[in-house]
Amino acid sequence: MNLRELPEALGLEVLQDTFADRTVTGAYTSDLLSDVMAHADERDVLITIQSHKNTVAVATLVGVGAIILCNNRPVPEEMIQAAREEEIGIFVSGEDQFTLSGKVYRIVHES
């Protein structure tokens, strides 16, 4: 599954679409950013409810290509701007983290 295919496959709203398309092999789901730094992989997407620019900084450090915010979390403009500068996609879902993680797992392993 490629990063650009995820929004359509998962019904995600795209808030920031300046990012490199690449293969996604998994997802890392966490709201603890130090945990993300220690365990996420650059081929993952980050699934979280942490909607602030520090989440973008962590995604950049780890090398993930996109952040998926769950539960229709509001996204501040400063987060979108930081993601644009770092070329990290920002997607939003109305679903919870558990449900979305399962869906990402399914589509990544079926494609």
PDB file of N, CA and C in Angstrom:
ATOM      1  N   MET A   1       0.858  -1.178   0.000  1.00  0.00           N
ATOM      2  CA  MET A   1       0.000   0.000   0.000  1.00  0.00           C
ATOM      3  C   MET A   1       0.896   1.230   0.000  1.00  0.00           C
ATOM      4  N   ASN A   2       0.565   2.175  -0.859  1.00  0.00           N
ATOM      5  CA  ASN A   2       1.301   3.434  -0.889  1.00  0.00           C
ATOM      6  C   ASN A   2       0.604   4.481  -0.036  1.00  0.00           C
ATOM      7  N   LEU A   3       1.385   5.410   0.456  1.00  0.00           N
ATOM      8  CA  LEU A   3       0.880   6.456   1.342  1.00  0.00           C
ATOM      9  C   LEU A   3      -0.268   7.242   0.708  1.00  0.00           C
ATOM     10  N   ARG A   4      -0.184   7.546  -0.569  1.00  0.00           N
ATOM     11  CA  ARG A   4      -1.228   8.327  -1.240  1.00  0.00           C
ATOM     12  C   ARG A   4      -2.537   7.545  -1.390  1.00  0.00           C
ATOM     13  N   GLU A   5      -2.483   6.233  -1.295  1.00  0.00           N
ATOM     14  CA  GLU A   5      -3.685   5.402  -1.397  1.00  0.00           C
ATOM     15  C   GLU A   5      -4.446   5.303  -0.073  1.00  0.00           C
ATOM     16  N   LEU A   6      -3.784   5.580   1.038  1.00  0.00           N
ATOM     17  CA  LEU A   6      -4.403   5.406   2.357  1.00  0.00           C
ATOM     18  C   LEU A   6      -5.671   6.226   2.566  1.00  0.00           C
ATOM     19  N   PRO A   7      -5.681   7.522   2.236  1.00  0.00           N
ATOM     20  CA  PRO A   7      -6.906   8.290   2.503  1.00  0.00           C
ATOM     21  C   PRO A   7      -8.158   7.696   1.869  1.00  0.00           C
ATOM     22  N   GLU A   8      -8.058   7.295   0.622  1.00  0.00           N
ATOM     23  CA  GLU A   8      -9.226   6.717  -0.036  1.00  0.00           C
ATOM     24  C   GLU A   8      -9.569   5.357   0.554  1.00  0.00           C
ATOM     25  N   ALA A   9      -8.555   4.548   0.793  1.00  0.00           N
ATOM     26  CA  ALA A   9      -8.791   3.201   1.323  1.00  0.00           C
ATOM     27  C   ALA A   9      -9.412   3.225   2.718  1.00  0.00           C
ATOM     28  N   LEU A  10      -9.102   4.270   3.502  1.00  0.00           N
ATOM     29  CA  LEU A  10      -9.577   4.337   4.887  1.00  0.00           C
ATOM     30  C   LEU A  10     -10.638   5.407   5.124  1.00  0.00           C
ATOM     31  N   GLY A  11     -10.988   6.145   4.079  1.00  0.00           N
ATOM     32  CA  GLY A  11     -11.972   7.209   4.239  1.00  0.00           C
ATOM     33  C   GLY A  11     -11.464   8.357   5.091  1.00  0.00           C
ATOM     34  N   LEU A  12     -10.219   8.729   4.906  1.00  0.00           N
ATOM     35  CA  LEU A  12      -9.584   9.784   5.705  1.00  0.00           C
ATOM     36  C   LEU A  12      -9.720  11.136   5.038  1.00  0.00           C
ATOM     37  N   GLU A  13      -9.832  12.169   5.844  1.00  0.00           N
ATOM     38  CA  GLU A  13      -9.777  13.541   5.346  1.00  0.00           C
ATOM     39  C   GLU A  13      -8.303  13.946   5.281  1.00  0.00           C
ATOM     40  N   VAL A  14      -7.900  14.516   4.159  1.00  0.00           N
ATOM     41  CA  VAL A  14      -6.516  14.948   3.984  1.00  0.00           C
ATOM     42  C   VAL A  14      -6.426  16.436   4.319  1.00  0.00           C
ATOM     43  N   LEU A  15      -5.651  16.766   5.350  1.00  0.00           N
ATOM     44  CA  LEU A  15      -5.473  18.171   5.734  1.00  0.00           C
ATOM     45  C   LEU A  15      -4.163  18.743   5.214  1.00  0.00           C
ATOM     46  N   GLN A  16      -3.202  17.889   4.955  1.00  0.00           N
ATOM     47  CA  GLN A  16      -1.898  18.345   4.463  1.00  0.00           C
ATOM     48  C   GLN A  16      -1.411  17.308   3.468  1.00  0.00           C
ATOM     49  N   ASP A  17      -1.346  17.709   2.191  1.00  0.00           N
ATOM     50  CA  ASP A  17      -1.051  16.733   1.128  1.00  0.00           C
ATOM     51  C   ASP A  17       0.300  16.910   0.469  1.00  0.00           C
ATOM     52  N   THR A  18       1.187  17.655   1.081  1.00  0.00           N
ATOM     53  CA  THR A  18       2.549  17.797   0.559  1.00  0.00           C
ATOM     54  C   THR A  18       3.438  16.770   1.258  1.00  0.00           C
ATOM     55  N   PHE A  19       3.572  15.604   0.637  1.00  0.00           N
ATOM     56  CA  PHE A  19       4.405  14.537   1.195  1.00  0.00           C
ATOM     57  C   PHE A  19       4.821  13.610   0.068  1.00  0.00           C
ATOM     58  N   ALA A  20       5.921  12.918   0.274  1.00  0.00           N
ATOM     59  CA  ALA A  20       6.411  11.966  -0.719  1.00  0.00           C
ATOM     60  C   ALA A  20       5.592  10.690  -0.636  1.00  0.00           C
ATOM     61  N   ASP A  21       5.202  10.181  -1.785  1.00  0.00           N
ATOM     62  CA  ASP A  21       4.494   8.905  -1.818  1.00  0.00           C
ATOM     63  C   ASP A  21       5.517   7.793  -1.636  1.00  0.00           C
ATOM     64  N   ARG A  22       5.200   6.886  -0.751  1.00  0.00           N
ATOM     65  CA  ARG A  22       6.095   5.752  -0.517  1.00  0.00           C
ATOM     66  C   ARG A  22       5.294   4.588   0.029  1.00  0.00           C
ATOM     67  N   THR A  23       5.916   3.456   0.086  1.00  0.00           N
ATOM     68  CA  THR A  23       5.267   2.251   0.567  1.00  0.00           C
ATOM     69  C   THR A  23       5.082   2.315   2.073  1.00  0.00           C
ATOM     70  N   VAL A  24       3.901   1.926   2.518  1.00  0.00           N
ATOM     71  CA  VAL A  24       3.589   1.824   3.939  1.00  0.00           C
ATOM     72  C   VAL A  24       3.529   0.342   4.281  1.00  0.00           C
ATOM     73  N   THR A  25       4.291  -0.058   5.296  1.00  0.00           N
ATOM     74  CA  THR A  25       4.294  -1.469   5.686  1.00  0.00           C
ATOM     75  C   THR A  25       3.636  -1.704   7.036  1.00  0.00           C
ATOM     76  N   GLY A  26       3.224  -0.628   7.697  1.00  0.00           N
ATOM     77  CA  GLY A  26       2.586  -0.785   8.996  1.00  0.00           C
ATOM     78  C   GLY A  26       2.161   0.545   9.566  1.00  0.00           C
ATOM     79  N   ALA A  27       1.748   0.486  10.817  1.00  0.00           N
ATOM     80  CA  ALA A  27       1.352   1.686  11.547  1.00  0.00           C
ATOM     81  C   ALA A  27       1.882   1.561  12.962  1.00  0.00           C
ATOM     82  N   TYR A  28       2.144   2.702  13.561  1.00  0.00           N
ATOM     83  CA  TYR A  28       2.486   2.718  14.977  1.00  0.00           C
ATOM     84  C   TYR A  28       1.450   3.586  15.661  1.00  0.00           C
ATOM     85  N   THR A  29       0.801   3.032  16.671  1.00  0.00           N
ATOM     86  CA  THR A  29      -0.284   3.716  17.357  1.00  0.00           C
ATOM     87  C   THR A  29       0.143   4.024  18.781  1.00  0.00           C
ATOM     88  N   SER A  30       0.253   5.319  19.074  1.00  0.00           N
ATOM     89  CA  SER A  30       0.626   5.729  20.419  1.00  0.00           C
ATOM     90  C   SER A  30       0.353   7.209  20.595  1.00  0.00           C
ATOM     91  N   ASP A  31       0.065   7.601  21.830  1.00  0.00           N
ATOM     92  CA  ASP A  31      -0.089   9.006  22.171  1.00  0.00           C
ATOM     93  C   ASP A  31       1.102   9.505  22.985  1.00  0.00           C
ATOM     94  N   LEU A  32       1.992   8.619  23.317  1.00  0.00           N
ATOM     95  CA  LEU A  32       3.193   8.969  24.061  1.00  0.00           C
ATOM     96  C   LEU A  32       4.330   9.162  23.060  1.00  0.00           C
ATOM     97  N   LEU A  33       4.703  10.404  22.823  1.00  0.00           N
ATOM     98  CA  LEU A  33       5.644  10.705  21.748  1.00  0.00           C
ATOM     99  C   LEU A  33       7.026  10.099  21.972  1.00  0.00           C
ATOM    100  N   SER A  34       7.458   9.946  23.218  1.00  0.00           N
ATOM    101  CA  SER A  34       8.745   9.287  23.470  1.00  0.00           C
ATOM    102  C   SER A  34       8.674   7.817  23.063  1.00  0.00           C
ATOM    103  N   ASP A  35       7.513   7.196  23.211  1.00  0.00           N
ATOM    104  CA  ASP A  35       7.317   5.819  22.772  1.00  0.00           C
ATOM    105  C   ASP A  35       7.407   5.728  21.249  1.00  0.00           C
ATOM    106  N   VAL A  36       6.817   6.697  20.568  1.00  0.00           N
ATOM    107  CA  VAL A  36       6.883   6.747  19.106  1.00  0.00           C
ATOM    108  C   VAL A  36       8.338   6.862  18.662  1.00  0.00           C
ATOM    109  N   MET A  37       9.084   7.750  19.302  1.00  0.00           N
ATOM    110  CA  MET A  37      10.503   7.928  18.943  1.00  0.00           C
ATOM    111  C   MET A  37      11.285   6.633  19.119  1.00  0.00           C
ATOM    112  N   ALA A  38      10.965   5.867  20.145  1.00  0.00           N
ATOM    113  CA  ALA A  38      11.715   4.648  20.435  1.00  0.00           C
ATOM    114  C   ALA A  38      11.325   3.461  19.561  1.00  0.00           C
ATOM    115  N   HIS A  39      10.084   3.456  19.045  1.00  0.00           N
ATOM    116  CA  HIS A  39       9.616   2.217  18.417  1.00  0.00           C
ATOM    117  C   HIS A  39       9.031   2.320  17.015  1.00  0.00           C
ATOM    118  N   ALA A  40       8.649   3.488  16.557  1.00  0.00           N
ATOM    119  CA  ALA A  40       8.050   3.591  15.217  1.00  0.00           C
ATOM    120  C   ALA A  40       9.122   3.394  14.145  1.00  0.00           C
ATOM    121  N   ASP A  41       8.675   2.963  13.008  1.00  0.00           N
ATOM    122  CA  ASP A  41       9.548   2.701  11.863  1.00  0.00           C
ATOM    123  C   ASP A  41       9.215   3.685  10.745  1.00  0.00           C
ATOM    124  N   GLU A  42      10.179   4.026   9.948  1.00  0.00           N
ATOM    125  CA  GLU A  42       9.957   5.004   8.871  1.00  0.00           C
ATOM    126  C   GLU A  42       8.959   4.524   7.821  1.00  0.00           C
ATOM    127  N   ARG A  43       8.660   3.253   7.779  1.00  0.00           N
ATOM    128  CA  ARG A  43       7.664   2.742   6.826  1.00  0.00           C
ATOM    129  C   ARG A  43       6.263   2.701   7.424  1.00  0.00           C
ATOM    130  N   ASP A  44       6.140   3.160   8.673  1.00  0.00           N
ATOM    131  CA  ASP A  44       4.846   3.218   9.349  1.00  0.00           C
ATOM    132  C   ASP A  44       4.146   4.540   9.060  1.00  0.00           C
ATOM    133  N   VAL A  45       2.850   4.569   9.336  1.00  0.00           N
ATOM    134  CA  VAL A  45       2.118   5.816   9.542  1.00  0.00           C
ATOM    135  C   VAL A  45       1.895   5.898  11.044  1.00  0.00           C
ATOM    136  N   LEU A  46       1.832   7.102  11.564  1.00  0.00           N
ATOM    137  CA  LEU A  46       1.617   7.309  12.984  1.00  0.00           C
ATOM    138  C   LEU A  46       0.135   7.550  13.236  1.00  0.00           C
ATOM    139  N   ILE A  47      -0.466   6.737  14.088  1.00  0.00           N
ATOM    140  CA  ILE A  47      -1.871   6.881  14.467  1.00  0.00           C
ATOM    141  C   ILE A  47      -1.897   7.399  15.901  1.00  0.00           C
ATOM    142  N   THR A  48      -2.559   8.554  16.101  1.00  0.00           N
ATOM    143  CA  THR A  48      -2.531   9.200  17.404  1.00  0.00           C
ATOM    144  C   THR A  48      -3.699  10.173  17.566  1.00  0.00           C
ATOM    145  N   ILE A  49      -3.840  10.698  18.773  1.00  0.00           N
ATOM    146  CA  ILE A  49      -4.764  11.809  19.001  1.00  0.00           C
ATOM    147  C   ILE A  49      -3.997  13.080  19.362  1.00  0.00           C
ATOM    148  N   GLN A  50      -2.683  13.024  19.325  1.00  0.00           N
ATOM    149  CA  GLN A  50      -1.844  14.171  19.682  1.00  0.00           C
ATOM    150  C   GLN A  50      -1.787  15.162  18.525  1.00  0.00           C
ATOM    151  N   SER A  51      -2.624  16.174  18.579  1.00  0.00           N
ATOM    152  CA  SER A  51      -2.709  17.127  17.465  1.00  0.00           C
ATOM    153  C   SER A  51      -2.005  18.442  17.819  1.00  0.00           C
ATOM    154  N   HIS A  52      -0.681  18.397  17.748  1.00  0.00           N
ATOM    155  CA  HIS A  52       0.120  19.602  17.943  1.00  0.00           C
ATOM    156  C   HIS A  52       1.423  19.455  17.181  1.00  0.00           C
ATOM    157  N   LYS A  53       2.144  20.542  17.051  1.00  0.00           N
ATOM    158  CA  LYS A  53       3.326  20.516  16.182  1.00  0.00           C
ATOM    159  C   LYS A  53       4.443  19.623  16.708  1.00  0.00           C
ATOM    160  N   ASN A  54       4.459  19.304  18.001  1.00  0.00           N
ATOM    161  CA  ASN A  54       5.475  18.374  18.510  1.00  0.00           C
ATOM    162  C   ASN A  54       5.312  16.986  17.899  1.00  0.00           C
ATOM    163  N   THR A  55       4.096  16.625  17.547  1.00  0.00           N
ATOM    164  CA  THR A  55       3.850  15.343  16.886  1.00  0.00           C
ATOM    165  C   THR A  55       4.532  15.321  15.524  1.00  0.00           C
ATOM    166  N   VAL A  56       4.509  16.440  14.835  1.00  0.00           N
ATOM    167  CA  VAL A  56       5.195  16.553  13.542  1.00  0.00           C
ATOM    168  C   VAL A  56       6.699  16.429  13.737  1.00  0.00           C
ATOM    169  N   ALA A  57       7.230  17.055  14.776  1.00  0.00           N
ATOM    170  CA  ALA A  57       8.669  16.970  15.051  1.00  0.00           C
ATOM    171  C   ALA A  57       9.086  15.520  15.293  1.00  0.00           C
ATOM    172  N   VAL A  58       8.283  14.773  16.030  1.00  0.00           N
ATOM    173  CA  VAL A  58       8.584  13.366  16.288  1.00  0.00           C
ATOM    174  C   VAL A  58       8.470  12.549  15.007  1.00  0.00           C
ATOM    175  N   ALA A  59       7.435  12.803  14.221  1.00  0.00           N
ATOM    176  CA  ALA A  59       7.285  12.091  12.941  1.00  0.00           C
ATOM    177  C   ALA A  59       8.485  12.344  12.042  1.00  0.00           C
ATOM    178  N   THR A  60       8.981  13.569  12.040  1.00  0.00           N
ATOM    179  CA  THR A  60      10.149  13.913  11.242  1.00  0.00           C
ATOM    180  C   THR A  60      11.383  13.170  11.744  1.00  0.00           C
ATOM    181  N   LEU A  61      11.562  13.155  13.045  1.00  0.00           N
ATOM    182  CA  LEU A  61      12.709  12.473  13.648  1.00  0.00           C
ATOM    183  C   LEU A  61      12.720  10.990  13.308  1.00  0.00           C
ATOM    184  N   VAL A  62      11.558  10.363  13.390  1.00  0.00           N
ATOM    185  CA  VAL A  62      11.442   8.930  13.110  1.00  0.00           C
ATOM    186  C   VAL A  62      11.474   8.654  11.612  1.00  0.00           C
ATOM    187  N   GLY A  63      10.945   9.588  10.822  1.00  0.00           N
ATOM    188  CA  GLY A  63      10.926   9.419   9.375  1.00  0.00           C
ATOM    189  C   GLY A  63       9.612   8.902   8.824  1.00  0.00           C
ATOM    190  N   VAL A  64       8.539   8.898   9.642  1.00  0.00           N
ATOM    191  CA  VAL A  64       7.250   8.455   9.107  1.00  0.00           C
ATOM    192  C   VAL A  64       6.723   9.487   8.114  1.00  0.00           C
ATOM    193  N   GLY A  65       5.956   9.024   7.141  1.00  0.00           N
ATOM    194  CA  GLY A  65       5.487   9.903   6.077  1.00  0.00           C
ATOM    195  C   GLY A  65       4.171  10.598   6.335  1.00  0.00           C
ATOM    196  N   ALA A  66       3.401  10.096   7.319  1.00  0.00           N
ATOM    197  CA  ALA A  66       2.089  10.698   7.576  1.00  0.00           C
ATOM    198  C   ALA A  66       1.641  10.421   8.998  1.00  0.00           C
ATOM    199  N   ILE A  67       0.812  11.331   9.479  1.00  0.00           N
ATOM    200  CA  ILE A  67       0.182  11.216  10.789  1.00  0.00           C
ATOM    201  C   ILE A  67      -1.323  11.104  10.553  1.00  0.00           C
ATOM    202  N   ILE A  68      -1.948  10.131  11.202  1.00  0.00           N
ATOM    203  CA  ILE A  68      -3.402  10.010  11.155  1.00  0.00           C
ATOM    204  C   ILE A  68      -3.932  10.358  12.535  1.00  0.00           C
ATOM    205  N   LEU A  69      -4.731  11.409  12.596  1.00  0.00           N
ATOM    206  CA  LEU A  69      -5.346  11.833  13.847  1.00  0.00           C
ATOM    207  C   LEU A  69      -6.737  11.227  13.951  1.00  0.00           C
ATOM    208  N   CYS A  70      -7.031  10.623  15.086  1.00  0.00           N
ATOM    209  CA  CYS A  70      -8.288   9.901  15.287  1.00  0.00           C
ATOM    210  C   CYS A  70      -9.330  10.752  16.009  1.00  0.00           C
ATOM    211  N   ASN A  71     -10.551  10.221  16.049  1.00  0.00           N
ATOM    212  CA  ASN A  71     -11.668  10.826  16.778  1.00  0.00           C
ATOM    213  C   ASN A  71     -11.982  12.246  16.318  1.00  0.00           C
ATOM    214  N   ASN A  72     -11.715  12.524  15.034  1.00  0.00           N
ATOM    215  CA  ASN A  72     -11.966  13.866  14.472  1.00  0.00           C
ATOM    216  C   ASN A  72     -11.352  14.981  15.306  1.00  0.00           C
ATOM    217  N   ARG A  73     -10.153  14.735  15.806  1.00  0.00           N
ATOM    218  CA  ARG A  73      -9.470  15.741  16.598  1.00  0.00           C
ATOM    219  C   ARG A  73      -9.287  17.010  15.785  1.00  0.00           C
ATOM    220  N   PRO A  74      -9.538  18.179  16.379  1.00  0.00           N
ATOM    221  CA  PRO A  74      -9.238  19.423  15.682  1.00  0.00           C
ATOM    222  C   PRO A  74      -7.723  19.563  15.517  1.00  0.00           C
ATOM    223  N   VAL A  75      -7.329  20.105  14.393  1.00  0.00           N
ATOM    224  CA  VAL A  75      -5.905  20.218  14.084  1.00  0.00           C
ATOM    225  C   VAL A  75      -5.545  21.696  13.973  1.00  0.00           C
ATOM    226  N   PRO A  76      -4.639  22.170  14.835  1.00  0.00           N
ATOM    227  CA  PRO A  76      -4.263  23.582  14.774  1.00  0.00           C
ATOM    228  C   PRO A  76      -3.477  23.895  13.504  1.00  0.00           C
ATOM    229  N   GLU A  77      -3.640  25.100  13.028  1.00  0.00           N
ATOM    230  CA  GLU A  77      -2.947  25.533  11.810  1.00  0.00           C
ATOM    231  C   GLU A  77      -1.437  25.398  11.942  1.00  0.00           C
ATOM    232  N   GLU A  78      -0.903  25.639  13.131  1.00  0.00           N
ATOM    233  CA  GLU A  78       0.555  25.532  13.299  1.00  0.00           C
ATOM    234  C   GLU A  78       1.040  24.100  13.079  1.00  0.00           C
ATOM    235  N   MET A  79       0.213  23.111  13.375  1.00  0.00           N
ATOM    236  CA  MET A  79       0.588  21.718  13.104  1.00  0.00           C
ATOM    237  C   MET A  79       0.590  21.454  11.600  1.00  0.00           C
ATOM    238  N   ILE A  80      -0.432  21.948  10.931  1.00  0.00           N
ATOM    239  CA  ILE A  80      -0.510  21.763   9.478  1.00  0.00           C
ATOM    240  C   ILE A  80       0.673  22.447   8.798  1.00  0.00           C
ATOM    241  N   GLN A  81       1.006  23.647   9.225  1.00  0.00           N
ATOM    242  CA  GLN A  81       2.134  24.379   8.638  1.00  0.00           C
ATOM    243  C   GLN A  81       3.449  23.642   8.889  1.00  0.00           C
ATOM    244  N   ALA A  82       3.662  23.148  10.101  1.00  0.00           N
ATOM    245  CA  ALA A  82       4.879  22.389  10.404  1.00  0.00           C
ATOM    246  C   ALA A  82       4.967  21.137   9.540  1.00  0.00           C
ATOM    247  N   ALA A  83       3.828  20.451   9.362  1.00  0.00           N
ATOM    248  CA  ALA A  83       3.805  19.247   8.531  1.00  0.00           C
ATOM    249  C   ALA A  83       4.100  19.579   7.072  1.00  0.00           C
ATOM    250  N   ARG A  84       3.582  20.702   6.603  1.00  0.00           N
ATOM    251  CA  ARG A  84       3.856  21.124   5.228  1.00  0.00           C
ATOM    252  C   ARG A  84       5.351  21.369   5.045  1.00  0.00           C
ATOM    253  N   GLU A  85       5.958  22.060   6.000  1.00  0.00           N
ATOM    254  CA  GLU A  85       7.395  22.354   5.920  1.00  0.00           C
ATOM    255  C   GLU A  85       8.239  21.088   5.953  1.00  0.00           C
ATOM    256  N   GLU A  86       7.795  20.096   6.709  1.00  0.00           N
ATOM    257  CA  GLU A  86       8.553  18.844   6.843  1.00  0.00           C
ATOM    258  C   GLU A  86       8.099  17.767   5.856  1.00  0.00           C
ATOM    259  N   GLU A  87       7.074  18.083   5.049  1.00  0.00           N
ATOM    260  CA  GLU A  87       6.511  17.154   4.068  1.00  0.00           C
ATOM    261  C   GLU A  87       6.013  15.865   4.724  1.00  0.00           C
ATOM    262  N   ILE A  88       5.232  16.057   5.790  1.00  0.00           N
ATOM    263  CA  ILE A  88       4.568  14.962   6.495  1.00  0.00           C
ATOM    264  C   ILE A  88       3.071  15.106   6.225  1.00  0.00           C
ATOM    265  N   GLY A  89       2.432  14.061   5.717  1.00  0.00           N
ATOM    266  CA  GLY A  89       0.998  14.114   5.474  1.00  0.00           C
ATOM    267  C   GLY A  89       0.216  14.163   6.779  1.00  0.00           C
ATOM    268  N   ILE A  90      -0.900  14.879   6.765  1.00  0.00           N
ATOM    269  CA  ILE A  90      -1.798  14.926   7.918  1.00  0.00           C
ATOM    270  C   ILE A  90      -3.178  14.465   7.454  1.00  0.00           C
ATOM    271  N   PHE A  91      -3.652  13.374   8.037  1.00  0.00           N
ATOM    272  CA  PHE A  91      -4.963  12.816   7.733  1.00  0.00           C
ATOM    273  C   PHE A  91      -5.790  12.780   9.013  1.00  0.00           C
ATOM    274  N   VAL A  92      -7.099  12.888   8.866  1.00  0.00           N
ATOM    275  CA  VAL A  92      -7.996  12.850  10.021  1.00  0.00           C
ATOM    276  C   VAL A  92      -9.066  11.781   9.800  1.00  0.00           C
ATOM    277  N   SER A  93      -9.389  11.072  10.888  1.00  0.00           N
ATOM    278  CA  SER A  93     -10.422  10.035  10.865  1.00  0.00           C
ATOM    279  C   SER A  93     -11.377  10.246  12.028  1.00  0.00           C
ATOM    280  N   GLY A  94     -12.617   9.891  11.825  1.00  0.00           N
ATOM    281  CA  GLY A  94     -13.592   9.911  12.905  1.00  0.00           C
ATOM    282  C   GLY A  94     -13.525   8.660  13.764  1.00  0.00           C
ATOM    283  N   GLU A  95     -12.754   7.695  13.329  1.00  0.00           N
ATOM    284  CA  GLU A  95     -12.684   6.421  14.047  1.00  0.00           C
ATOM    285  C   GLU A  95     -11.668   6.494  15.186  1.00  0.00           C
ATOM    286  N   ASP A  96     -11.794   5.554  16.110  1.00  0.00           N
ATOM    287  CA  ASP A  96     -10.847   5.494  17.221  1.00  0.00           C
ATOM    288  C   ASP A  96      -9.564   4.794  16.785  1.00  0.00           C
ATOM    289  N   GLN A  97      -8.568   4.849  17.636  1.00  0.00           N
ATOM    290  CA  GLN A  97      -7.251   4.306  17.299  1.00  0.00           C
ATOM    291  C   GLN A  97      -7.255   2.793  17.092  1.00  0.00           C
ATOM    292  N   PHE A  98      -8.000   2.086  17.915  1.00  0.00           N
ATOM    293  CA  PHE A  98      -8.059   0.634  17.808  1.00  0.00           C
ATOM    294  C   PHE A  98      -8.614   0.215  16.448  1.00  0.00           C
ATOM    295  N   THR A  99      -9.744   0.790  16.085  1.00  0.00           N
ATOM    296  CA  THR A  99     -10.399   0.449  14.825  1.00  0.00           C
ATOM    297  C   THR A  99      -9.511   0.795  13.642  1.00  0.00           C
ATOM    298  N   LEU A 100      -8.965   1.983  13.656  1.00  0.00           N
ATOM    299  CA  LEU A 100      -8.123   2.424  12.545  1.00  0.00           C
ATOM    300  C   LEU A 100      -6.850   1.585  12.426  1.00  0.00           C
ATOM    301  N   SER A 101      -6.250   1.237  13.548  1.00  0.00           N
ATOM    302  CA  SER A 101      -5.048   0.390  13.529  1.00  0.00           C
ATOM    303  C   SER A 101      -5.347  -0.953  12.876  1.00  0.00           C
ATOM    304  N   GLY A 102      -6.497  -1.539  13.221  1.00  0.00           N
ATOM    305  CA  GLY A 102      -6.884  -2.808  12.613  1.00  0.00           C
ATOM    306  C   GLY A 102      -7.091  -2.689  11.118  1.00  0.00           C
ATOM    307  N   LYS A 103      -7.704  -1.598  10.691  1.00  0.00           N
ATOM    308  CA  LYS A 103      -7.930  -1.393   9.258  1.00  0.00           C
ATOM    309  C   LYS A 103      -6.612  -1.207   8.507  1.00  0.00           C
ATOM    310  N   VAL A 104      -5.691  -0.452   9.087  1.00  0.00           N
ATOM    311  CA  VAL A 104      -4.385  -0.282   8.434  1.00  0.00           C
ATOM    312  C   VAL A 104      -3.680  -1.628   8.344  1.00  0.00           C
ATOM    313  N   TYR A 105      -3.712  -2.385   9.410  1.00  0.00           N
ATOM    314  CA  TYR A 105      -3.088  -3.711   9.394  1.00  0.00           C
ATOM    315  C   TYR A 105      -3.658  -4.556   8.258  1.00  0.00           C
ATOM    316  N   ARG A 106      -4.979  -4.573   8.163  1.00  0.00           N
ATOM    317  CA  ARG A 106      -5.637  -5.398   7.149  1.00  0.00           C
ATOM    318  C   ARG A 106      -5.246  -4.981   5.739  1.00  0.00           C
ATOM    319  N   ILE A 107      -5.345  -3.688   5.426  1.00  0.00           N
ATOM    320  CA  ILE A 107      -5.067  -3.286   4.046  1.00  0.00           C
ATOM    321  C   ILE A 107      -3.588  -3.373   3.686  1.00  0.00           C
ATOM    322  N   VAL A 108      -2.706  -3.160   4.647  1.00  0.00           N
ATOM    323  CA  VAL A 108      -1.277  -3.273   4.361  1.00  0.00           C
ATOM    324  C   VAL A 108      -0.895  -4.723   4.087  1.00  0.00           C
ATOM    325  N   HIS A 109      -1.481  -5.641   4.825  1.00  0.00           N
ATOM    326  CA  HIS A 109      -1.121  -7.042   4.665  1.00  0.00           C
ATOM    327  C   HIS A 109      -1.903  -7.766   3.571  1.00  0.00           C
ATOM    328  N   GLU A 110      -2.939  -7.121   3.047  1.00  0.00           N
ATOM    329  CA  GLU A 110      -3.696  -7.724   1.939  1.00  0.00           C
ATOM    330  C   GLU A 110      -3.259  -7.200   0.586  1.00  0.00           C
ATOM    331  N   SER A 111      -2.499  -6.096   0.562  1.00  0.00           N
ATOM    332  CA  SER A 111      -2.111  -5.526  -0.741  1.00  0.00           C
ATOM    333  C   SER A 111      -0.757  -6.028  -1.189  1.00  0.00           C
TER     334      SER A 111
END
